C-alpha cells in the first residue's frame, strides 16, 4: 500500500498514515458494510421509542443554549459542522430531549453538504443516537454540561449556568443528562462503559432526583418543536 511505503521511506508521518488507514479505509468500509447489511430496516430503528418532533431550533436556529446555537449556526451558514458538534452537541441534544431519531436522521440528510445516506444514516441512527440498540455503537452518546464546558468556550457566553444542576438558570444538559440516565436504567446496567453514571445517579438524594426529573420535564415541555409535517416522504422540506 502506498501509505506503508511512504511511511517506511520517511515521506509520511505516522499520524497521517494512521488517519488514512483507520478513518478512510477502515471506518468508511465498516460503515458501508453496516449500511448494506442493515438496510432498509435501519431507517426505522428507534431503540428508545422517542416520538417528539425535531426541536424548532434545528430549522430557525433560535435557542438560548449557546453550544447548540453555535453548532446550528455552522450548519445554517456552511451546511457543515465539526464531528464533535454533530455527535456530542446536536445528536446529544436530540437524545436528551427525547426527539425521534428518525427525524434527526432526515434533518442531517437534508442539512449537511456532505450527507450521503450510506455514511450519514449509520452515524446518526447507529452511533450518535443509539437508535439501533447497540448494533453499531457500544453505548448511547450522551453528555452533560461539564463535557461541553471542557470541550468549548460556549458556556461563557450562554444564558444558562453550567455549574447549576437544576432550576431555571441551570444548564439544561445537566438535568436532562441525569434524567436520561434515570429513565434508561436497563441500557446503563448492561453496559460496563456507562454503568458508572447510574451508580453516581443512585447516590443522589431523593430531593435531587425529584428536582432533576421536574427540571427535565419542564424543559422538554417548553421546548418549541417543528410540526410533524416539516419534512415530506421524499426528504425535502415542505413549502413555506
Protein backbone atom coordinates (compact mmCIF):
# COMPACT_ATOMS: atom_id res chain seq x y z
CA UNK A 1 0.00 0.00 0.00
CA UNK A 2 1.25 3.49 -0.84
CA UNK A 3 0.78 4.68 2.74
CA UNK A 4 3.01 1.89 4.05
CA UNK A 5 5.72 2.63 1.50
CA UNK A 6 5.57 6.37 2.15
CA UNK A 7 5.87 5.82 5.90
CA UNK A 8 8.73 3.35 5.53
CA UNK A 9 10.54 5.81 3.30
CA UNK A 10 10.07 8.63 5.77
CA UNK A 11 7.79 10.65 3.48
CA UNK A 12 4.65 10.36 5.64
CA UNK A 13 4.14 10.87 9.35
CA UNK A 14 2.71 8.05 11.44
CA UNK A 15 -0.40 10.02 12.44
CA UNK A 16 -1.13 10.76 8.77
CA UNK A 17 -0.85 7.10 7.80
CA UNK A 18 -2.93 6.06 10.81
CA UNK A 19 -5.66 8.53 9.84
CA UNK A 20 -5.77 7.18 6.29
CA UNK A 21 -5.88 3.54 7.35
CA UNK A 22 -8.28 3.90 10.27
CA UNK A 23 -10.63 6.61 9.08
CA UNK A 24 -10.66 6.42 5.28
CA UNK A 25 -10.00 2.75 4.62
CA UNK A 26 -11.14 1.14 7.87
CA UNK A 27 -14.07 3.11 9.28
CA UNK A 28 -15.64 4.04 5.96
CA UNK A 29 -15.54 0.45 4.77
CA UNK A 30 -17.05 -0.73 8.07
CA UNK A 31 -19.85 1.84 7.75
CA UNK A 32 -20.54 0.79 4.18
CA UNK A 33 -20.85 -2.87 5.21
CA UNK A 34 -23.14 -1.91 8.11
CA UNK A 35 -25.38 0.09 5.77
CA UNK A 36 -25.68 -2.69 3.21
CA UNK A 37 -26.35 -5.31 5.89
CA UNK A 38 -28.92 -3.33 7.90
CA UNK A 39 -30.97 -1.65 5.19
CA UNK A 40 -33.83 -0.94 4.73
CA UNK A 41 -34.84 -1.74 8.33
CA UNK A 42 -32.18 0.65 9.68
CA UNK A 43 -34.19 3.70 8.58
CA UNK A 44 -36.97 2.96 11.05
CA UNK A 45 -35.00 1.91 14.12
CA UNK A 46 -35.87 3.78 17.34
CA UNK A 47 -34.45 1.87 20.30
CA UNK A 48 -35.59 4.32 22.99
CA UNK A 49 -39.02 4.83 21.41
CA UNK A 50 -38.71 8.62 21.25
CA UNK A 51 -41.56 10.30 19.39
CA UNK A 52 -41.08 14.05 19.92
CA UNK A 53 -40.72 16.09 16.69
CA UNK A 54 -37.48 17.88 15.88
CA UNK A 55 -36.82 20.99 18.01
CA UNK A 56 -37.72 24.13 16.07
CA UNK A 57 -34.20 25.47 16.65
CA UNK A 58 -32.87 22.95 14.14
CA UNK A 59 -34.78 24.88 11.48
CA UNK A 60 -34.66 28.50 12.67
CA UNK A 61 -31.52 28.44 14.84
CA UNK A 62 -33.22 30.22 17.74
CA UNK A 63 -32.19 28.77 21.10
CA UNK A 64 -30.69 30.14 24.32
CA UNK A 65 -28.33 27.20 24.78
CA UNK A 66 -25.09 28.59 23.32
CA UNK A 67 -23.43 25.28 22.41
CA UNK A 68 -26.46 24.15 20.40
CA UNK A 69 -26.85 27.60 18.85
CA UNK A 70 -23.19 27.62 17.77
CA UNK A 71 -23.46 24.21 16.12
CA UNK A 72 -26.67 25.14 14.33
CA UNK A 73 -25.13 28.39 13.12
CA UNK A 74 -22.36 26.43 11.41
CA UNK A 75 -24.93 24.19 9.73
CA UNK A 76 -27.17 27.07 8.64
CA UNK A 77 -24.30 29.14 7.20
CA UNK A 78 -21.99 26.41 5.88
CA UNK A 79 -24.07 23.22 5.65
CA UNK A 80 -21.32 21.72 7.79
CA UNK A 81 -20.09 21.40 11.37
CA UNK A 82 -17.30 19.63 13.25
CA UNK A 83 -17.93 15.97 14.05
CA UNK A 84 -17.91 16.69 17.80
CA UNK A 85 -20.72 19.20 17.27
CA UNK A 86 -22.63 16.62 15.26
CA UNK A 87 -22.18 13.87 17.81
CA UNK A 88 -21.92 15.44 21.25
CA UNK A 89 -23.98 18.60 20.75
CA UNK A 90 -26.74 18.11 18.18
CA UNK A 91 -27.27 14.36 18.48
CA UNK A 92 -26.80 14.53 22.24
CA UNK A 93 -29.41 17.29 22.50
CA UNK A 94 -31.76 15.24 20.32
CA UNK A 95 -31.49 12.22 22.60
CA UNK A 96 -31.75 14.20 25.84
CA UNK A 97 -34.91 15.95 24.61
CA UNK A 98 -36.48 12.64 23.53
CA UNK A 99 -36.56 13.62 19.87
CA UNK A 100 -37.46 10.97 17.33
CA UNK A 101 -34.07 9.88 15.92
CA UNK A 102 -35.62 9.30 12.51
CA UNK A 103 -36.48 12.99 12.38
CA UNK A 104 -32.89 13.82 13.27
CA UNK A 105 -31.63 11.49 10.54
CA UNK A 106 -33.81 13.19 7.93
CA UNK A 107 -32.61 16.61 9.11
CA UNK A 108 -28.93 15.60 8.88
CA UNK A 109 -29.50 14.25 5.39
CA UNK A 110 -31.17 17.47 4.31
CA UNK A 111 -28.93 19.99 6.12
CA UNK A 112 -25.36 18.79 5.55
CA UNK A 113 -23.45 19.25 2.30
CA UNK A 114 -21.51 16.02 2.89
CA UNK A 115 -24.53 13.86 3.79
CA UNK A 116 -24.59 10.72 1.70
CA UNK A 117 -27.07 8.33 3.28
CA UNK A 118 -24.75 5.32 3.39
CA UNK A 119 -22.45 7.34 5.66
CA UNK A 120 -24.90 9.66 7.39
CA UNK A 121 -27.56 7.13 8.42
CA UNK A 122 -25.24 4.72 10.29
CA UNK A 123 -23.53 7.61 12.05
CA UNK A 124 -26.80 9.23 13.17
CA UNK A 125 -29.06 6.23 13.82
CA UNK A 126 -26.33 3.77 14.72
CA UNK A 127 -23.64 5.64 16.56
CA UNK A 128 -24.89 9.10 17.61
CA UNK A 129 -28.40 8.32 18.86
CA UNK A 130 -28.08 4.57 19.56
CA UNK A 131 -31.36 4.12 17.71
CA UNK A 132 -30.31 0.66 16.53
CA UNK A 133 -29.94 -0.52 20.13
CA UNK A 134 -26.22 -1.21 20.01
CA UNK A 135 -25.60 -2.89 16.67
CA UNK A 136 -23.05 -0.26 15.67
CA UNK A 137 -22.08 1.52 18.90
CA UNK A 138 -21.48 0.17 22.39
CA UNK A 139 -23.22 2.96 24.33
CA UNK A 140 -25.54 5.95 23.99
CA UNK A 141 -23.58 9.11 23.19
CA UNK A 142 -24.90 11.50 25.80
CA UNK A 143 -23.21 14.14 27.93
CA UNK A 144 -23.98 16.86 30.44
CA UNK A 145 -22.85 20.45 30.59
CA UNK A 146 -19.44 19.67 32.09
CA UNK A 147 -18.33 17.88 28.93
CA UNK A 148 -19.35 20.84 26.76
CA UNK A 149 -17.61 23.22 29.15
CA UNK A 150 -14.35 21.28 28.77
CA UNK A 151 -14.63 20.99 25.00
CA UNK A 152 -15.70 24.52 24.04
CA UNK A 153 -15.97 28.17 25.03
CA UNK A 154 -19.75 28.20 24.66
CA UNK A 155 -20.60 28.11 28.36
CA UNK A 156 -19.01 31.53 28.98
CA UNK A 157 -21.48 33.04 26.51
CA UNK A 158 -24.55 31.04 27.49
CA UNK A 159 -27.77 32.23 29.09
CA UNK A 160 -27.53 29.27 31.47
CA UNK A 161 -25.07 28.48 34.27
CA UNK A 162 -23.17 25.25 33.64
CA UNK A 163 -22.37 24.95 37.35
CA UNK A 164 -26.03 24.80 38.38
CA UNK A 165 -27.64 21.37 38.21
CA UNK A 166 -31.39 22.10 38.41
CA UNK A 167 -33.72 25.07 38.19
CA UNK A 168 -34.42 27.82 35.66
CA UNK A 169 -30.81 29.05 35.49
CA UNK A 170 -29.15 25.64 35.35
CA UNK A 171 -27.62 24.30 32.17
CA UNK A 172 -30.36 22.11 30.66
CA UNK A 173 -27.81 19.49 29.64
CA UNK A 174 -27.10 18.81 33.31
CA UNK A 175 -30.56 17.74 34.42
CA UNK A 176 -31.50 16.31 31.01
CA UNK A 177 -28.47 14.03 31.19
CA UNK A 178 -29.29 12.66 34.63
CA UNK A 179 -32.96 12.27 33.73
CA UNK A 180 -31.92 10.25 30.69
CA UNK A 181 -29.78 8.01 32.90
CA UNK A 182 -32.69 7.51 35.29
CA UNK A 183 -35.20 6.68 32.56
CA UNK A 184 -32.98 4.19 30.74
CA UNK A 185 -31.54 2.17 33.59
CA UNK A 186 -31.54 -1.10 31.65
CA UNK A 187 -29.22 0.24 28.95
CA UNK A 188 -26.80 1.52 31.58
CA UNK A 189 -26.88 -1.56 33.79
CA UNK A 190 -26.00 -3.86 30.90
CA UNK A 191 -23.06 -1.77 29.73
CA UNK A 192 -19.90 -1.52 31.81
CA UNK A 193 -18.75 1.56 29.90
CA UNK A 194 -21.64 3.66 31.21
CA UNK A 195 -22.79 1.84 34.36
CA UNK A 196 -20.79 4.28 36.50
CA UNK A 197 -23.25 7.02 35.54
CA UNK A 198 -26.09 5.02 37.05
CA UNK A 199 -24.10 4.37 40.23
CA UNK A 200 -23.48 8.12 40.53
CA UNK A 201 -27.15 8.88 39.96
CA UNK A 202 -28.25 6.40 42.61
CA UNK A 203 -26.11 8.20 45.16
CA UNK A 204 -28.13 11.38 44.76
CA UNK A 205 -30.75 12.25 47.37
CA UNK A 206 -34.44 11.81 46.62
CA UNK A 207 -34.83 15.59 46.63
CA UNK A 208 -32.09 15.90 43.99
CA UNK A 209 -33.68 13.19 41.85
CA UNK A 210 -37.08 14.87 42.03
CA UNK A 211 -35.56 18.23 41.08
CA UNK A 212 -33.80 16.62 38.12
CA UNK A 213 -36.99 14.99 36.88
CA UNK A 214 -39.04 18.17 37.33
CA UNK A 215 -36.50 20.41 35.55
CA UNK A 216 -36.12 17.95 32.67
CA UNK A 217 -39.87 17.55 32.20
CA UNK A 218 -40.41 21.31 32.22
CA UNK A 219 -37.64 21.96 29.70
CA UNK A 220 -38.91 19.31 27.28
CA UNK A 221 -42.47 20.55 27.65
CA UNK A 222 -41.49 24.15 26.89
CA UNK A 223 -39.09 23.33 24.04
CA UNK A 224 -40.56 24.60 20.72
CA UNK A 225 -40.97 21.79 18.22
CA UNK A 226 -41.50 21.65 14.49
CA UNK A 227 -44.81 20.44 13.16
CA UNK A 228 -44.76 16.72 12.37
CA UNK A 229 -45.15 17.57 8.66
CA UNK A 230 -41.96 19.62 8.49
CA UNK A 231 -40.50 17.17 6.00
CA UNK A 232 -42.20 15.01 3.44
CA UNK A 233 -41.55 11.40 2.50
CA UNK A 234 -39.02 12.35 -0.19
CA UNK A 235 -36.70 14.03 2.28
CA UNK A 236 -37.45 17.57 1.16
CA UNK A 237 -38.64 20.44 3.32
CA UNK A 238 -42.30 21.45 2.74
CA UNK A 239 -43.12 24.71 1.02
CA UNK A 240 -43.06 27.67 3.44
